[in-house]
Amino acid sequence: MLNRLMRIWRSNDGLAAIEFAFLAPVLAILLLGTIELCNAIQCRQKIVSETSTMADLVAQVSTVSNADLTNIYDAGSSILYPFGTTPGTVVISSIVNDPTNGHNSVAWSVPFNGGTALQQNSTVTVPIGVIAPGGSAIFVQVTYNYTPPIGQFIVGPIPMTDSFYSRPRESASVSYTD
């Protein structure tokens, strides 16, 4: 009997199966984590692309209407596919520079999907070199709460934000009409 127990103890049969059983959960977690990380990076890239595209589209015209901005918002939202647009907000604003005092203020601001518009005529800090004296820039802000499909119960929503400035091309500033 003792001899038989010693043979079982020294046997290597099934050792690979036992080692795999210990490693399989770790490998599965690494695989799912890699998938989640890639999805989050892809969502972030799409948010950056959406922000810059919307700012560029607004900056290409001299006058923009509410219908135009809605179309631009819809175009920007389609960039996020396959990620939904519900957890995200967008604010499109025009910032003008007063050459007499050098202050940058909000000329107009339009929010979408629950965003908060910048207050008209409020002073805004803009990075140096974005707006020339007497010039303007289109400022787009996007916020998005990315919810990982697999890790939503572990991590929860991940807030992502981006902003982009674009100079108008056809005029000194882009005007807004309802």
Protein backbone atom coordinates (compact mmCIF):
# COMPACT_ATOMS: atom_id res chain seq x y z
CA MET A 1 0.00 0.00 0.00
CA LEU A 2 2.77 2.44 0.93
CA ASN A 3 4.65 1.42 -2.18
CA ARG A 4 1.62 2.25 -4.35
CA LEU A 5 1.21 5.71 -2.74
CA MET A 6 4.86 6.49 -3.39
CA ARG A 7 4.43 5.57 -7.08
CA ILE A 8 1.41 7.88 -7.39
CA TRP A 9 3.31 10.69 -5.66
CA ARG A 10 6.26 10.37 -8.04
CA SER A 11 4.15 9.95 -11.19
CA ASN A 12 4.29 12.74 -13.79
CA ASP A 13 1.18 11.58 -15.66
CA GLY A 14 -1.37 14.44 -15.97
CA LEU A 15 1.07 17.05 -14.71
CA ALA A 16 0.56 19.21 -17.81
CA ALA A 17 -3.21 19.12 -17.32
CA ILE A 18 -2.88 20.25 -13.74
CA GLU A 19 -0.48 23.08 -14.68
CA PHE A 20 -2.85 24.19 -17.44
CA ALA A 21 -5.75 24.17 -14.98
CA PHE A 22 -3.79 26.59 -12.79
CA LEU A 23 -2.74 28.84 -15.70
CA ALA A 24 -5.99 28.86 -17.73
CA PRO A 25 -7.83 31.43 -15.55
CA VAL A 26 -4.82 33.75 -15.58
CA LEU A 27 -4.51 33.48 -19.37
CA ALA A 28 -8.26 34.08 -19.80
CA ILE A 29 -8.07 37.22 -17.66
CA LEU A 30 -5.08 38.48 -19.65
CA LEU A 31 -6.92 37.84 -22.94
CA LEU A 32 -10.09 39.64 -21.80
CA GLY A 33 -8.04 42.51 -20.38
CA THR A 34 -6.22 42.92 -23.67
CA ILE A 35 -9.52 43.00 -25.56
CA GLU A 36 -10.92 45.61 -23.15
CA LEU A 37 -7.79 47.75 -23.40
CA CYS A 38 -7.88 47.64 -27.20
CA ASN A 39 -11.56 48.65 -27.19
CA ALA A 40 -10.86 51.57 -24.85
CA ILE A 41 -7.96 52.77 -27.01
CA GLN A 42 -10.10 52.50 -30.14
CA CYS A 43 -12.88 54.51 -28.45
CA ARG A 44 -10.37 57.18 -27.40
CA GLN A 45 -9.03 57.44 -30.97
CA LYS A 46 -12.56 57.83 -32.31
CA ILE A 47 -13.30 60.60 -29.80
CA VAL A 48 -10.17 62.49 -30.88
CA SER A 49 -11.14 62.05 -34.52
CA GLU A 50 -14.72 63.17 -33.85
CA THR A 51 -13.56 66.31 -32.02
CA SER A 52 -11.11 67.43 -34.69
CA THR A 53 -13.50 66.62 -37.55
CA MET A 54 -16.34 68.66 -36.07
CA ALA A 55 -14.06 71.64 -35.41
CA ASP A 56 -12.70 71.42 -38.95
CA LEU A 57 -16.18 71.24 -40.51
CA VAL A 58 -17.38 74.34 -38.64
CA ALA A 59 -14.19 76.24 -39.47
CA GLN A 60 -14.71 75.71 -43.21
CA VAL A 61 -17.67 78.11 -43.44
CA SER A 62 -18.16 81.80 -42.62
CA THR A 63 -21.70 81.43 -41.24
CA VAL A 64 -23.25 78.43 -39.55
CA SER A 65 -26.87 77.79 -38.58
CA ASN A 66 -28.38 75.56 -35.93
CA ALA A 67 -29.35 73.07 -38.67
CA ASP A 68 -25.75 73.06 -39.94
CA LEU A 69 -24.42 72.40 -36.43
CA THR A 70 -26.93 69.57 -35.97
CA ASN A 71 -25.73 68.00 -39.22
CA ILE A 72 -22.11 68.40 -38.14
CA TYR A 73 -22.94 66.86 -34.76
CA ASP A 74 -24.62 63.91 -36.53
CA ALA A 75 -21.59 63.48 -38.79
CA GLY A 76 -19.29 63.55 -35.78
CA SER A 77 -21.47 61.06 -33.95
CA SER A 78 -21.23 58.61 -36.84
CA ILE A 79 -17.45 58.57 -36.36
CA LEU A 80 -17.98 56.90 -32.97
CA TYR A 81 -19.54 53.81 -34.53
CA PRO A 82 -19.71 51.07 -33.15
CA PHE A 83 -19.66 52.93 -29.84
CA GLY A 84 -22.97 54.55 -28.90
CA THR A 85 -23.44 58.32 -28.74
CA THR A 86 -25.71 58.31 -25.67
CA PRO A 87 -22.96 58.58 -23.01
CA GLY A 88 -21.27 61.52 -24.77
CA THR A 89 -21.78 65.28 -24.89
CA VAL A 90 -20.49 67.86 -27.37
CA VAL A 91 -20.14 71.64 -27.12
CA ILE A 92 -19.25 73.65 -30.24
CA SER A 93 -18.18 77.24 -29.57
CA SER A 94 -16.63 80.22 -31.30
CA ILE A 95 -13.99 82.15 -29.39
CA VAL A 96 -12.95 85.61 -30.58
CA ASN A 97 -10.01 87.75 -29.58
CA ASP A 98 -10.47 91.41 -28.69
CA PRO A 99 -7.35 93.13 -30.09
CA THR A 100 -7.72 96.13 -27.75
CA ASN A 101 -7.23 94.15 -24.55
CA GLY A 102 -6.11 90.74 -25.85
CA HIS A 103 -8.89 88.84 -24.06
CA ASN A 104 -10.51 85.81 -25.65
CA SER A 105 -14.27 85.61 -25.19
CA VAL A 106 -17.08 83.31 -26.26
CA ALA A 107 -19.03 84.66 -29.26
CA TRP A 108 -21.48 81.74 -29.33
CA SER A 109 -21.73 78.22 -27.94
CA VAL A 110 -24.10 75.39 -28.83
CA PRO A 111 -24.37 72.19 -26.74
CA PHE A 112 -25.51 68.78 -27.96
CA ASN A 113 -26.70 65.65 -26.17
CA GLY A 114 -26.92 67.29 -22.74
CA GLY A 115 -23.70 69.32 -22.86
CA THR A 116 -23.38 72.69 -21.14
CA ALA A 117 -22.82 75.69 -23.39
CA LEU A 118 -20.08 78.16 -22.56
CA GLN A 119 -21.52 81.44 -21.35
CA GLN A 120 -21.59 84.08 -24.07
CA ASN A 121 -19.02 86.89 -23.63
CA SER A 122 -17.24 84.94 -20.88
CA THR A 123 -13.44 85.03 -20.92
CA VAL A 124 -11.73 81.83 -22.04
CA THR A 125 -8.10 80.86 -21.65
CA VAL A 126 -6.74 79.66 -24.99
CA PRO A 127 -3.28 78.20 -25.58
CA ILE A 128 -0.78 80.74 -26.90
CA GLY A 129 -0.65 80.96 -30.68
CA VAL A 130 -4.10 79.51 -31.36
CA ILE A 131 -5.86 82.84 -31.91
CA ALA A 132 -4.13 85.79 -33.58
CA PRO A 133 -4.97 89.29 -32.31
CA GLY A 134 -8.42 90.15 -33.66
CA GLY A 135 -8.94 86.58 -34.87
CA SER A 136 -11.05 83.71 -33.67
CA ALA A 137 -11.14 79.94 -33.31
CA ILE A 138 -13.73 77.21 -33.24
CA PHE A 139 -13.52 75.29 -29.99
CA VAL A 140 -15.07 71.82 -29.73
CA GLN A 141 -15.28 69.89 -26.47
CA VAL A 142 -16.32 66.25 -26.32
CA THR A 143 -16.89 64.21 -23.17
CA TYR A 144 -17.66 60.51 -23.31
CA ASN A 145 -18.19 57.85 -20.66
CA TYR A 146 -16.82 54.63 -22.11
CA THR A 147 -18.31 51.55 -20.49
CA PRO A 148 -16.27 48.41 -21.12
CA PRO A 149 -18.54 45.54 -22.22
CA ILE A 150 -16.79 42.86 -20.20
CA GLY A 151 -15.27 44.86 -17.35
CA GLN A 152 -18.24 47.15 -16.70
CA PHE A 153 -18.88 45.48 -13.36
CA ILE A 154 -15.25 45.73 -12.28
CA VAL A 155 -14.13 49.12 -13.60
CA GLY A 156 -17.38 50.94 -14.40
CA PRO A 157 -17.57 53.83 -16.89
CA ILE A 158 -14.28 55.42 -17.91
CA PRO A 159 -14.59 59.19 -18.57
CA MET A 160 -12.81 60.40 -21.71
CA THR A 161 -12.58 64.02 -22.84
CA ASP A 162 -11.04 65.87 -25.74
CA SER A 163 -11.02 69.42 -27.03
CA PHE A 164 -9.83 70.89 -30.30
CA TYR A 165 -9.29 74.38 -31.71
CA SER A 166 -9.56 75.16 -35.40
CA ARG A 167 -9.07 78.53 -37.11
CA PRO A 168 -11.76 79.73 -39.54
CA ARG A 169 -10.73 79.51 -43.20
CA GLU A 170 -13.17 81.78 -45.06
CA SER A 171 -13.44 84.72 -42.65
CA ALA A 172 -11.96 86.17 -39.49
CA SER A 173 -14.69 84.47 -37.45
CA VAL A 174 -17.59 82.08 -37.97
CA SER A 175 -20.93 83.70 -37.22
CA TYR A 176 -23.93 81.79 -35.88
CA THR A 177 -27.57 82.16 -36.90
CA ASP A 178 -30.52 80.31 -35.41
